[in-house]
Structures are given as structure tokens and as C-alpha cells.
Amino acid sequence: MADTLAELQTLCKVDNPKLLACALLGPQLKSCIIILVDDEIMRRRGWTSGLLFRHERGHCNGWGQDHAGERALTWPTTQWVNERERVKMPLDRLQEAVPIGAKDQPR
């Protein structure tokens, strides 16, 4: 989970103001890390962690960036990812994002 949109963009290495999550595929598709922005930020944009997780899991499973075959959602939905199912970001990516995320925090 990224605390801010700036931190998410840094962790994902994507400069897109609409970004709320990303999937980082490992070598030979043997691993995939899903990064989501903080729940409150995604909710303000009308998403839940469960919906974003499902979307990114599709990319982990080979769904292309062109989103071919994407279907509209039926609202409302209550899909959420439990805290215990989330994993921590690899330390090298986290250390890179912390200074960027810190500048977005209120003083």
C-alpha cells in the first residue's frame, strides 16, 4: 500500500495522475507485486481495494495494458482486500519512495 499518489507513482515508476494501482511482474512471470494507493484515496475516486486488486491481478495473470475485453462494473460492490492478505513492498522500492511521499505529508 502506498500512502500517497506521489509515492505510488514512484513505486510503480509511472507518471500518470489517474494511477491508483499497478502490478509489477517478476522475471519470467514467476512473481507479481501489486501496489495499491491508500484506501481513503481510492475510495474518493470511487474504487475499493478489492476492485483494484482484481484488476491488477488480471495484469499479473497476463491481461495486457490495452485492457482488451474490459467489462463495466456493477455498482455498488463490497470487494476489499484484508490487511493480512497484503504484503510489504521490497525495501529498495520503499526506500526510493519514502522521500517523495514525505513531501506530500502535512507539516
Protein backbone atom coordinates (compact mmCIF):
# COMPACT_ATOMS: atom_id res chain seq x y z
CA MET A 1 0.00 0.00 0.00
CA ALA A 2 1.28 3.45 -0.92
CA ASP A 3 0.33 6.31 1.40
CA THR A 4 0.16 8.98 -1.31
CA LEU A 5 -0.32 9.23 -5.07
CA ALA A 6 3.25 10.54 -5.43
CA GLU A 7 4.59 7.54 -3.54
CA LEU A 8 2.51 5.19 -5.73
CA GLN A 9 3.84 6.79 -8.92
CA THR A 10 7.40 6.39 -7.65
CA LEU A 11 6.94 2.77 -6.60
CA CYS A 12 5.24 1.89 -9.88
CA LYS A 13 7.65 4.03 -11.92
CA VAL A 14 4.65 5.53 -13.78
CA ASP A 15 3.87 9.23 -14.20
CA ASN A 16 0.08 9.15 -14.58
CA PRO A 17 -2.25 11.30 -12.45
CA LYS A 18 -5.07 8.71 -12.84
CA LEU A 19 -2.94 5.88 -11.43
CA LEU A 20 -4.42 4.16 -8.35
CA ALA A 21 -2.55 0.83 -8.51
CA CYS A 22 -0.04 -1.16 -10.54
CA ALA A 23 1.23 -4.70 -10.98
CA LEU A 24 4.99 -5.33 -11.12
CA LEU A 25 5.74 -8.56 -12.95
CA GLY A 26 8.86 -10.51 -11.99
CA PRO A 27 11.25 -12.29 -14.34
CA GLN A 28 9.62 -14.99 -16.48
CA LEU A 29 6.26 -14.06 -14.84
CA LYS A 30 7.13 -16.14 -11.76
CA SER A 31 6.16 -13.36 -9.36
CA CYS A 32 3.97 -10.28 -9.30
CA ILE A 33 3.72 -7.47 -6.76
CA ILE A 34 0.53 -5.42 -6.65
CA ILE A 35 0.77 -1.90 -5.25
CA LEU A 36 -2.39 -0.02 -4.29
CA VAL A 37 -2.77 3.55 -3.11
CA ASP A 38 -4.21 4.14 0.38
CA ASP A 39 -7.84 3.04 0.78
CA GLU A 40 -9.13 6.55 1.50
CA ILE A 41 -7.62 7.94 -1.71
CA MET A 42 -9.06 5.17 -3.88
CA ARG A 43 -12.49 5.50 -2.22
CA ARG A 44 -12.58 9.23 -3.02
CA ARG A 45 -12.24 8.22 -6.68
CA GLY A 46 -14.99 5.59 -6.40
CA TRP A 47 -12.86 2.44 -6.14
CA THR A 48 -12.32 -0.21 -3.48
CA SER A 49 -9.18 -2.19 -2.72
CA GLY A 50 -10.93 -5.37 -3.86
CA LEU A 51 -11.80 -3.95 -7.27
CA LEU A 52 -8.32 -2.53 -7.84
CA PHE A 53 -6.73 -5.76 -6.60
CA ARG A 54 -8.86 -7.81 -9.02
CA HIS A 55 -7.91 -5.51 -11.90
CA GLU A 56 -4.18 -5.70 -11.10
CA ARG A 57 -4.34 -9.46 -10.51
CA GLY A 58 -5.60 -9.69 -14.09
CA HIS A 59 -2.40 -7.97 -15.24
CA CYS A 60 -0.37 -10.42 -13.11
CA ASN A 61 -2.14 -13.25 -14.96
CA GLY A 62 -1.27 -11.86 -18.40
CA TRP A 63 -4.03 -9.33 -19.15
CA GLY A 64 -2.47 -6.67 -21.37
CA GLN A 65 -2.07 -2.96 -20.78
CA ASP A 66 -4.57 -2.36 -23.60
CA HIS A 67 -7.30 -3.79 -21.31
CA ALA A 68 -8.81 -5.83 -24.16
CA GLY A 69 -12.21 -7.25 -23.18
CA GLU A 70 -12.59 -4.95 -20.16
CA ARG A 71 -16.15 -5.04 -18.79
CA ALA A 72 -18.13 -2.37 -16.98
CA LEU A 73 -18.59 -2.82 -13.23
CA THR A 74 -21.90 -3.29 -11.48
CA TRP A 75 -22.18 -0.88 -8.53
CA PRO A 76 -22.30 -0.98 -5.59
CA THR A 77 -19.71 -3.60 -4.71
CA THR A 78 -18.05 -4.52 -1.43
CA GLN A 79 -14.84 -6.18 -2.58
CA TRP A 80 -11.99 -5.45 -0.18
CA VAL A 81 -8.51 -6.89 0.38
CA ASN A 82 -8.00 -7.80 4.04
CA GLU A 83 -4.99 -6.29 5.79
CA ARG A 84 -3.50 -9.76 6.46
CA GLU A 85 -3.53 -10.54 2.71
CA ARG A 86 -1.37 -7.54 1.83
CA VAL A 87 2.42 -7.87 1.62
CA LYS A 88 5.13 -5.32 2.25
CA MET A 89 6.96 -3.52 -0.54
CA PRO A 90 10.55 -4.66 -1.27
CA LEU A 91 12.91 -2.48 0.76
CA ASP A 92 14.74 -0.95 -2.24
CA ARG A 93 11.49 0.36 -3.76
CA LEU A 94 10.22 1.54 -0.38
CA GLN A 95 13.42 3.48 0.37
CA GLU A 96 13.18 5.17 -3.02
CA ALA A 97 9.57 6.28 -2.43
CA VAL A 98 9.75 7.44 1.19
CA PRO A 99 11.37 10.84 0.47
CA ILE A 100 8.79 11.57 -2.25
CA GLY A 101 5.82 10.50 -0.13
CA ALA A 102 7.12 12.54 2.83
CA LYS A 103 6.90 15.83 0.93
CA ASP A 104 3.14 15.27 0.46
CA GLN A 105 2.50 14.92 4.20
CA PRO A 106 1.09 17.89 6.15
CA ARG A 107 3.59 19.60 8.42
